[in-house]
PDB file of all heavy atoms in Angstrom:
ATOM      1  N   MET A   1       7.822  24.702   6.038  1.00  0.00           N
ATOM      2  CA  MET A   1       6.911  24.348   5.008  1.00  0.00           C
ATOM      3  C   MET A   1       7.447  23.160   4.276  1.00  0.00           C
ATOM      4  O   MET A   1       6.623  22.258   3.974  1.00  0.00           O
ATOM      5  CB  MET A   1       6.791  25.598   4.083  1.00  0.00           C
ATOM      6  CG  MET A   1       6.063  25.400   2.790  1.00  0.00           C
ATOM      7  SD  MET A   1       4.364  25.657   3.342  1.00  0.00           S
ATOM      8  CE  MET A   1       3.682  26.110   1.738  1.00  0.00           C
ATOM      9  N   LYS A   2       8.695  23.124   3.895  1.00  0.00           N
ATOM     10  CA  LYS A   2       9.246  22.034   3.174  1.00  0.00           C
ATOM     11  C   LYS A   2       9.093  20.704   3.944  1.00  0.00           C
ATOM     12  O   LYS A   2       8.741  19.676   3.419  1.00  0.00           O
ATOM     13  CB  LYS A   2      10.822  22.310   2.874  1.00  0.00           C
ATOM     14  CG  LYS A   2      11.451  21.439   1.894  1.00  0.00           C
ATOM     15  CD  LYS A   2      12.819  21.876   1.701  1.00  0.00           C
ATOM     16  CE  LYS A   2      13.489  21.123   0.567  1.00  0.00           C
ATOM     17  NZ  LYS A   2      14.851  21.579   0.295  1.00  0.00           N
ATOM     18  N   SER A   3       9.276  20.890   5.243  1.00  0.00           N
ATOM     19  CA  SER A   3       9.157  19.700   6.140  1.00  0.00           C
ATOM     20  C   SER A   3       7.768  19.122   6.141  1.00  0.00           C
ATOM     21  O   SER A   3       7.546  17.874   6.134  1.00  0.00           O
ATOM     22  CB  SER A   3       9.654  20.000   7.488  1.00  0.00           C
ATOM     23  OG  SER A   3       9.414  18.871   8.420  1.00  0.00           O
ATOM     24  N   ALA A   4       6.744  20.012   6.130  1.00  0.00           N
ATOM     25  CA  ALA A   4       5.384  19.620   6.077  1.00  0.00           C
ATOM     26  C   ALA A   4       5.011  18.907   4.867  1.00  0.00           C
ATOM     27  O   ALA A   4       4.252  17.893   4.775  1.00  0.00           O
ATOM     28  CB  ALA A   4       4.447  20.767   6.312  1.00  0.00           C
ATOM     29  N   ILE A   5       5.470  19.371   3.695  1.00  0.00           N
ATOM     30  CA  ILE A   5       5.337  18.710   2.408  1.00  0.00           C
ATOM     31  C   ILE A   5       5.934  17.342   2.322  1.00  0.00           C
ATOM     32  O   ILE A   5       5.274  16.392   1.896  1.00  0.00           O
ATOM     33  CB  ILE A   5       5.788  19.621   1.260  1.00  0.00           C
ATOM     34  CG1 ILE A   5       4.975  20.871   1.171  1.00  0.00           C
ATOM     35  CG2 ILE A   5       5.730  18.924  -0.032  1.00  0.00           C
ATOM     36  CD1 ILE A   5       5.546  21.866   0.162  1.00  0.00           C
ATOM     37  N   LEU A   6       7.125  17.244   2.813  1.00  0.00           N
ATOM     38  CA  LEU A   6       7.815  15.902   2.884  1.00  0.00           C
ATOM     39  C   LEU A   6       7.148  14.962   3.713  1.00  0.00           C
ATOM     40  O   LEU A   6       6.930  13.786   3.451  1.00  0.00           O
ATOM     41  CB  LEU A   6       9.303  16.043   3.328  1.00  0.00           C
ATOM     42  CG  LEU A   6      10.190  16.571   2.275  1.00  0.00           C
ATOM     43  CD1 LEU A   6      11.556  16.847   2.899  1.00  0.00           C
ATOM     44  CD2 LEU A   6      10.328  15.905   1.019  1.00  0.00           C
ATOM     45  N   SER A   7       6.590  15.443   4.833  1.00  0.00           N
ATOM     46  CA  SER A   7       5.889  14.576   5.835  1.00  0.00           C
ATOM     47  C   SER A   7       4.618  14.019   5.109  1.00  0.00           C
ATOM     48  O   SER A   7       4.188  12.909   5.248  1.00  0.00           O
ATOM     49  CB  SER A   7       5.600  15.347   7.080  1.00  0.00           C
ATOM     50  OG  SER A   7       4.813  14.554   7.877  1.00  0.00           O
ATOM     51  N   SER A   8       3.842  14.959   4.460  1.00  0.00           N
ATOM     52  CA  SER A   8       2.636  14.563   3.777  1.00  0.00           C
ATOM     53  C   SER A   8       2.955  13.533   2.683  1.00  0.00           C
ATOM     54  O   SER A   8       2.198  12.581   2.537  1.00  0.00           O
ATOM     55  CB  SER A   8       2.021  15.869   3.227  1.00  0.00           C
ATOM     56  OG  SER A   8       0.892  15.511   2.513  1.00  0.00           O
ATOM     57  N   LEU A   9       3.982  13.772   1.914  1.00  0.00           N
ATOM     58  CA  LEU A   9       4.343  12.842   0.816  1.00  0.00           C
ATOM     59  C   LEU A   9       4.662  11.409   1.487  1.00  0.00           C
ATOM     60  O   LEU A   9       4.353  10.424   0.835  1.00  0.00           O
ATOM     61  CB  LEU A   9       5.622  13.362   0.020  1.00  0.00           C
ATOM     62  CG  LEU A   9       5.219  14.490  -0.931  1.00  0.00           C
ATOM     63  CD1 LEU A   9       6.504  15.009  -1.600  1.00  0.00           C
ATOM     64  CD2 LEU A   9       4.218  14.017  -2.019  1.00  0.00           C
ATOM     65  N   ARG A  10       5.384  11.454   2.553  1.00  0.00           N
ATOM     66  CA  ARG A  10       5.740  10.101   3.178  1.00  0.00           C
ATOM     67  C   ARG A  10       4.539   9.377   3.591  1.00  0.00           C
ATOM     68  O   ARG A  10       4.343   8.165   3.438  1.00  0.00           O
ATOM     69  CB  ARG A  10       6.635  10.367   4.368  1.00  0.00           C
ATOM     70  CG  ARG A  10       8.080  10.521   4.062  1.00  0.00           C
ATOM     71  CD  ARG A  10       8.955  10.426   5.353  1.00  0.00           C
ATOM     72  NE  ARG A  10      10.103  11.252   5.079  1.00  0.00           N
ATOM     73  CZ  ARG A  10      10.424  12.411   5.683  1.00  0.00           C
ATOM     74  NH1 ARG A  10       9.625  12.925   6.557  1.00  0.00           N
ATOM     75  NH2 ARG A  10      11.485  13.067   5.396  1.00  0.00           N
ATOM     76  N   LYS A  11       3.510  10.084   4.255  1.00  0.00           N
ATOM     77  CA  LYS A  11       2.307   9.508   4.609  1.00  0.00           C
ATOM     78  C   LYS A  11       1.454   8.898   3.410  1.00  0.00           C
ATOM     79  O   LYS A  11       0.952   7.864   3.440  1.00  0.00           O
ATOM     80  CB  LYS A  11       1.384  10.456   5.396  1.00  0.00           C
ATOM     81  CG  LYS A  11       1.984  10.685   6.806  1.00  0.00           C
ATOM     82  CD  LYS A  11       1.044  11.608   7.563  1.00  0.00           C
ATOM     83  CE  LYS A  11       1.694  11.990   8.912  1.00  0.00           C
ATOM     84  NZ  LYS A  11       0.942  12.917   9.636  1.00  0.00           N
ATOM     85  N   THR A  12       1.460   9.775   2.377  1.00  0.00           N
ATOM     86  CA  THR A  12       0.817   9.305   1.176  1.00  0.00           C
ATOM     87  C   THR A  12       1.492   8.008   0.605  1.00  0.00           C
ATOM     88  O   THR A  12       0.831   7.039   0.227  1.00  0.00           O
ATOM     89  CB  THR A  12       0.813  10.419   0.114  1.00  0.00           C
ATOM     90  OG1 THR A  12       0.108  11.548   0.639  1.00  0.00           O
ATOM     91  CG2 THR A  12       0.071  10.016  -1.175  1.00  0.00           C
ATOM     92  N   GLY A  13       2.755   7.993   0.563  1.00  0.00           N
ATOM     93  CA  GLY A  13       3.538   6.825   0.101  1.00  0.00           C
ATOM     94  C   GLY A  13       3.307   5.633   1.004  1.00  0.00           C
ATOM     95  O   GLY A  13       3.160   4.544   0.542  1.00  0.00           O
ATOM     96  N   GLN A  14       3.230   5.867   2.282  1.00  0.00           N
ATOM     97  CA  GLN A  14       2.972   4.747   3.186  1.00  0.00           C
ATOM     98  C   GLN A  14       1.602   4.170   2.991  1.00  0.00           C
ATOM     99  O   GLN A  14       1.386   2.906   2.957  1.00  0.00           O
ATOM    100  CB  GLN A  14       3.072   5.153   4.586  1.00  0.00           C
ATOM    101  CG  GLN A  14       4.540   5.476   5.047  1.00  0.00           C
ATOM    102  CD  GLN A  14       4.665   6.079   6.434  1.00  0.00           C
ATOM    103  OE1 GLN A  14       3.635   6.592   7.022  1.00  0.00           O
ATOM    104  NE2 GLN A  14       5.854   6.093   6.993  1.00  0.00           N
ATOM    105  N   ARG A  15       0.568   4.983   2.731  1.00  0.00           N
ATOM    106  CA  ARG A  15      -0.809   4.529   2.484  1.00  0.00           C
ATOM    107  C   ARG A  15      -0.820   3.750   1.141  1.00  0.00           C
ATOM    108  O   ARG A  15      -1.472   2.720   1.060  1.00  0.00           O
ATOM    109  CB  ARG A  15      -1.740   5.733   2.425  1.00  0.00           C
ATOM    110  CG  ARG A  15      -2.150   6.137   3.827  1.00  0.00           C
ATOM    111  CD  ARG A  15      -3.318   7.157   3.743  1.00  0.00           C
ATOM    112  NE  ARG A  15      -2.889   8.344   4.621  1.00  0.00           N
ATOM    113  CZ  ARG A  15      -2.733   9.598   4.211  1.00  0.00           C
ATOM    114  NH1 ARG A  15      -2.939   9.959   2.938  1.00  0.00           N
ATOM    115  NH2 ARG A  15      -2.328  10.487   5.000  1.00  0.00           N
ATOM    116  N   ALA A  16      -0.187   4.301   0.182  1.00  0.00           N
ATOM    117  CA  ALA A  16      -0.182   3.593  -1.100  1.00  0.00           C
ATOM    118  C   ALA A  16       0.548   2.199  -1.041  1.00  0.00           C
ATOM    119  O   ALA A  16       0.082   1.203  -1.549  1.00  0.00           O
ATOM    120  CB  ALA A  16       0.501   4.427  -2.195  1.00  0.00           C
ATOM    121  N   GLY A  17       1.651   2.163  -0.175  1.00  0.00           N
ATOM    122  CA  GLY A  17       2.322   0.924  -0.027  1.00  0.00           C
ATOM    123  C   GLY A  17       1.433  -0.083   0.734  1.00  0.00           C
ATOM    124  O   GLY A  17       1.416  -1.287   0.393  1.00  0.00           O
ATOM    125  N   LEU A  18       0.737   0.370   1.722  1.00  0.00           N
ATOM    126  CA  LEU A  18      -0.170  -0.511   2.550  1.00  0.00           C
ATOM    127  C   LEU A  18      -1.277  -1.002   1.605  1.00  0.00           C
ATOM    128  O   LEU A  18      -1.684  -2.195   1.699  1.00  0.00           O
ATOM    129  CB  LEU A  18      -0.800   0.197   3.778  1.00  0.00           C
ATOM    130  CG  LEU A  18       0.233   0.393   4.843  1.00  0.00           C
ATOM    131  CD1 LEU A  18      -0.393   1.352   5.914  1.00  0.00           C
ATOM    132  CD2 LEU A  18       0.705  -0.911   5.424  1.00  0.00           C
ATOM    133  N   VAL A  19      -1.895  -0.140   0.784  1.00  0.00           N
ATOM    134  CA  VAL A  19      -2.966  -0.587  -0.121  1.00  0.00           C
ATOM    135  C   VAL A  19      -2.419  -1.633  -1.086  1.00  0.00           C
ATOM    136  O   VAL A  19      -3.046  -2.703  -1.325  1.00  0.00           O
ATOM    137  CB  VAL A  19      -3.594   0.638  -0.847  1.00  0.00           C
ATOM    138  CG1 VAL A  19      -4.441   0.120  -1.973  1.00  0.00           C
ATOM    139  CG2 VAL A  19      -4.339   1.502   0.073  1.00  0.00           C
ATOM    140  N   SER A  20      -1.172  -1.431  -1.639  1.00  0.00           N
ATOM    141  CA  SER A  20      -0.621  -2.370  -2.568  1.00  0.00           C
ATOM    142  C   SER A  20      -0.347  -3.657  -1.849  1.00  0.00           C
ATOM    143  O   SER A  20      -0.556  -4.733  -2.404  1.00  0.00           O
ATOM    144  CB  SER A  20       0.690  -1.839  -3.162  1.00  0.00           C
ATOM    145  OG  SER A  20       0.404  -0.682  -3.969  1.00  0.00           O
ATOM    146  N   LEU A  21       0.233  -3.580  -0.674  1.00  0.00           N
ATOM    147  CA  LEU A  21       0.441  -4.819   0.088  1.00  0.00           C
ATOM    148  C   LEU A  21      -0.798  -5.591   0.443  1.00  0.00           C
ATOM    149  O   LEU A  21      -0.884  -6.802   0.233  1.00  0.00           O
ATOM    150  CB  LEU A  21       1.211  -4.460   1.389  1.00  0.00           C
ATOM    151  CG  LEU A  21       1.569  -5.692   2.312  1.00  0.00           C
ATOM    152  CD1 LEU A  21       2.531  -6.611   1.614  1.00  0.00           C
ATOM    153  CD2 LEU A  21       2.173  -5.160   3.567  1.00  0.00           C
ATOM    154  N   GLY A  22      -1.813  -4.893   0.792  1.00  0.00           N
ATOM    155  CA  GLY A  22      -3.130  -5.494   1.050  1.00  0.00           C
ATOM    156  C   GLY A  22      -3.690  -6.203  -0.144  1.00  0.00           C
ATOM    157  O   GLY A  22      -4.158  -7.298  -0.136  1.00  0.00           O
ATOM    158  N   ALA A  23      -3.639  -5.552  -1.301  1.00  0.00           N
ATOM    159  CA  ALA A  23      -4.146  -6.170  -2.565  1.00  0.00           C
ATOM    160  C   ALA A  23      -3.301  -7.417  -2.969  1.00  0.00           C
ATOM    161  O   ALA A  23      -3.856  -8.399  -3.342  1.00  0.00           O
ATOM    162  CB  ALA A  23      -4.050  -5.131  -3.668  1.00  0.00           C
ATOM    163  N   MET A  24      -1.934  -7.305  -2.718  1.00  0.00           N
ATOM    164  CA  MET A  24      -1.096  -8.499  -3.142  1.00  0.00           C
ATOM    165  C   MET A  24      -1.507  -9.605  -2.176  1.00  0.00           C
ATOM    166  O   MET A  24      -1.506 -10.847  -2.516  1.00  0.00           O
ATOM    167  CB  MET A  24       0.354  -8.197  -3.035  1.00  0.00           C
ATOM    168  CG  MET A  24       0.810  -7.261  -4.180  1.00  0.00           C
ATOM    169  SD  MET A  24       2.629  -6.957  -4.227  1.00  0.00           S
ATOM    170  CE  MET A  24       3.007  -6.597  -2.625  1.00  0.00           C
ATOM    171  N   THR A  25      -1.698  -9.382  -0.950  1.00  0.00           N
ATOM    172  CA  THR A  25      -2.074 -10.342   0.070  1.00  0.00           C
ATOM    173  C   THR A  25      -3.407 -11.026  -0.342  1.00  0.00           C
ATOM    174  O   THR A  25      -3.512 -12.176  -0.393  1.00  0.00           O
ATOM    175  CB  THR A  25      -2.084  -9.769   1.518  1.00  0.00           C
ATOM    176  OG1 THR A  25      -0.834  -9.209   1.823  1.00  0.00           O
ATOM    177  CG2 THR A  25      -2.446 -10.912   2.545  1.00  0.00           C
ATOM    178  N   LEU A  26      -4.385 -10.253  -0.633  1.00  0.00           N
ATOM    179  CA  LEU A  26      -5.663 -10.719  -1.073  1.00  0.00           C
ATOM    180  C   LEU A  26      -5.536 -11.592  -2.230  1.00  0.00           C
ATOM    181  O   LEU A  26      -6.106 -12.816  -2.337  1.00  0.00           O
ATOM    182  CB  LEU A  26      -6.615  -9.587  -1.286  1.00  0.00           C
ATOM    183  CG  LEU A  26      -8.062  -9.975  -1.683  1.00  0.00           C
ATOM    184  CD1 LEU A  26      -8.624 -10.819  -0.608  1.00  0.00           C
ATOM    185  CD2 LEU A  26      -8.826  -8.788  -1.979  1.00  0.00           C
ATOM    186  N   LEU A  27      -4.772 -11.187  -3.266  1.00  0.00           N
ATOM    187  CA  LEU A  27      -4.551 -11.983  -4.468  1.00  0.00           C
ATOM    188  C   LEU A  27      -3.897 -13.354  -4.166  1.00  0.00           C
ATOM    189  O   LEU A  27      -4.201 -14.385  -4.646  1.00  0.00           O
ATOM    190  CB  LEU A  27      -3.794 -11.260  -5.531  1.00  0.00           C
ATOM    191  CG  LEU A  27      -4.587 -10.103  -6.222  1.00  0.00           C
ATOM    192  CD1 LEU A  27      -3.551  -9.306  -7.148  1.00  0.00           C
ATOM    193  CD2 LEU A  27      -5.644 -10.613  -7.079  1.00  0.00           C
ATOM    194  N   SER A  28      -2.901 -13.316  -3.299  1.00  0.00           N
ATOM    195  CA  SER A  28      -2.181 -14.520  -2.952  1.00  0.00           C
ATOM    196  C   SER A  28      -3.043 -15.484  -2.181  1.00  0.00           C
ATOM    197  O   SER A  28      -2.874 -16.686  -2.313  1.00  0.00           O
ATOM    198  CB  SER A  28      -0.837 -14.246  -2.217  1.00  0.00           C
ATOM    199  OG  SER A  28      -1.167 -13.741  -0.880  1.00  0.00           O
ATOM    200  N   LEU A  29      -3.942 -14.963  -1.328  1.00  0.00           N
ATOM    201  CA  LEU A  29      -4.909 -15.869  -0.596  1.00  0.00           C
ATOM    202  C   LEU A  29      -5.925 -16.455  -1.452  1.00  0.00           C
ATOM    203  O   LEU A  29      -6.278 -17.537  -1.259  1.00  0.00           O
ATOM    204  CB  LEU A  29      -5.581 -15.010   0.529  1.00  0.00           C
ATOM    205  CG  LEU A  29      -4.681 -14.647   1.757  1.00  0.00           C
ATOM    206  CD1 LEU A  29      -5.447 -13.710   2.576  1.00  0.00           C
ATOM    207  CD2 LEU A  29      -4.077 -15.818   2.417  1.00  0.00           C
ATOM    208  N   THR A  30      -6.347 -15.772  -2.563  1.00  0.00           N
ATOM    209  CA  THR A  30      -7.389 -16.365  -3.478  1.00  0.00           C
ATOM    210  C   THR A  30      -6.790 -17.129  -4.592  1.00  0.00           C
ATOM    211  O   THR A  30      -7.474 -17.833  -5.231  1.00  0.00           O
ATOM    212  CB  THR A  30      -8.262 -15.222  -3.967  1.00  0.00           C
ATOM    213  OG1 THR A  30      -7.503 -14.310  -4.669  1.00  0.00           O
ATOM    214  CG2 THR A  30      -9.036 -14.535  -2.830  1.00  0.00           C
ATOM    215  N   ALA A  31      -5.536 -17.033  -4.858  1.00  0.00           N
ATOM    216  CA  ALA A  31      -4.927 -17.641  -6.005  1.00  0.00           C
ATOM    217  C   ALA A  31      -5.016 -19.121  -5.955  1.00  0.00           C
ATOM    218  O   ALA A  31      -5.331 -19.832  -6.946  1.00  0.00           O
ATOM    219  CB  ALA A  31      -3.528 -17.229  -6.220  1.00  0.00           C
ATOM    220  N   GLY A  32      -4.822 -19.725  -4.820  1.00  0.00           N
ATOM    221  CA  GLY A  32      -4.837 -21.166  -4.617  1.00  0.00           C
ATOM    222  C   GLY A  32      -6.203 -21.749  -4.850  1.00  0.00           C
ATOM    223  O   GLY A  32      -6.393 -22.729  -5.512  1.00  0.00           O
ATOM    224  N   SER A  33      -7.211 -21.034  -4.374  1.00  0.00           N
ATOM    225  CA  SER A  33      -8.526 -21.640  -4.470  1.00  0.00           C
ATOM    226  C   SER A  33      -9.148 -21.268  -5.847  1.00  0.00           C
ATOM    227  O   SER A  33     -10.127 -21.931  -6.250  1.00  0.00           O
ATOM    228  CB  SER A  33      -9.485 -20.955  -3.382  1.00  0.00           C
ATOM    229  OG  SER A  33      -9.513 -19.597  -3.571  1.00  0.00           O
ATOM    230  N   ALA A  34      -8.562 -20.310  -6.613  1.00  0.00           N
ATOM    231  CA  ALA A  34      -9.073 -20.005  -7.961  1.00  0.00           C
ATOM    232  C   ALA A  34      -8.855 -21.162  -8.904  1.00  0.00           C
ATOM    233  O   ALA A  34      -9.494 -21.301  -9.882  1.00  0.00           O
ATOM    234  CB  ALA A  34      -8.393 -18.754  -8.397  1.00  0.00           C
ATOM    235  N   ASN A  35      -7.867 -21.921  -8.602  1.00  0.00           N
ATOM    236  CA  ASN A  35      -7.608 -23.126  -9.467  1.00  0.00           C
ATOM    237  C   ASN A  35      -8.535 -24.316  -9.230  1.00  0.00           C
ATOM    238  O   ASN A  35      -8.617 -25.126 -10.164  1.00  0.00           O
ATOM    239  CB  ASN A  35      -6.134 -23.587  -9.255  1.00  0.00           C
ATOM    240  CG  ASN A  35      -5.151 -22.573  -9.694  1.00  0.00           C
ATOM    241  OD1 ASN A  35      -5.391 -21.790 -10.550  1.00  0.00           O
ATOM    242  ND2 ASN A  35      -3.944 -22.658  -9.160  1.00  0.00           N
TER     243      ASN A  35
END
């Protein structure tokens, strides 16, 4: 049970990290043209 919860938390953390990384990439790509 404990292992299933940790595995679920890791996957959630990975998804959040990927979403954050995607948002930062999008912002960096548009920052140059925004000027």
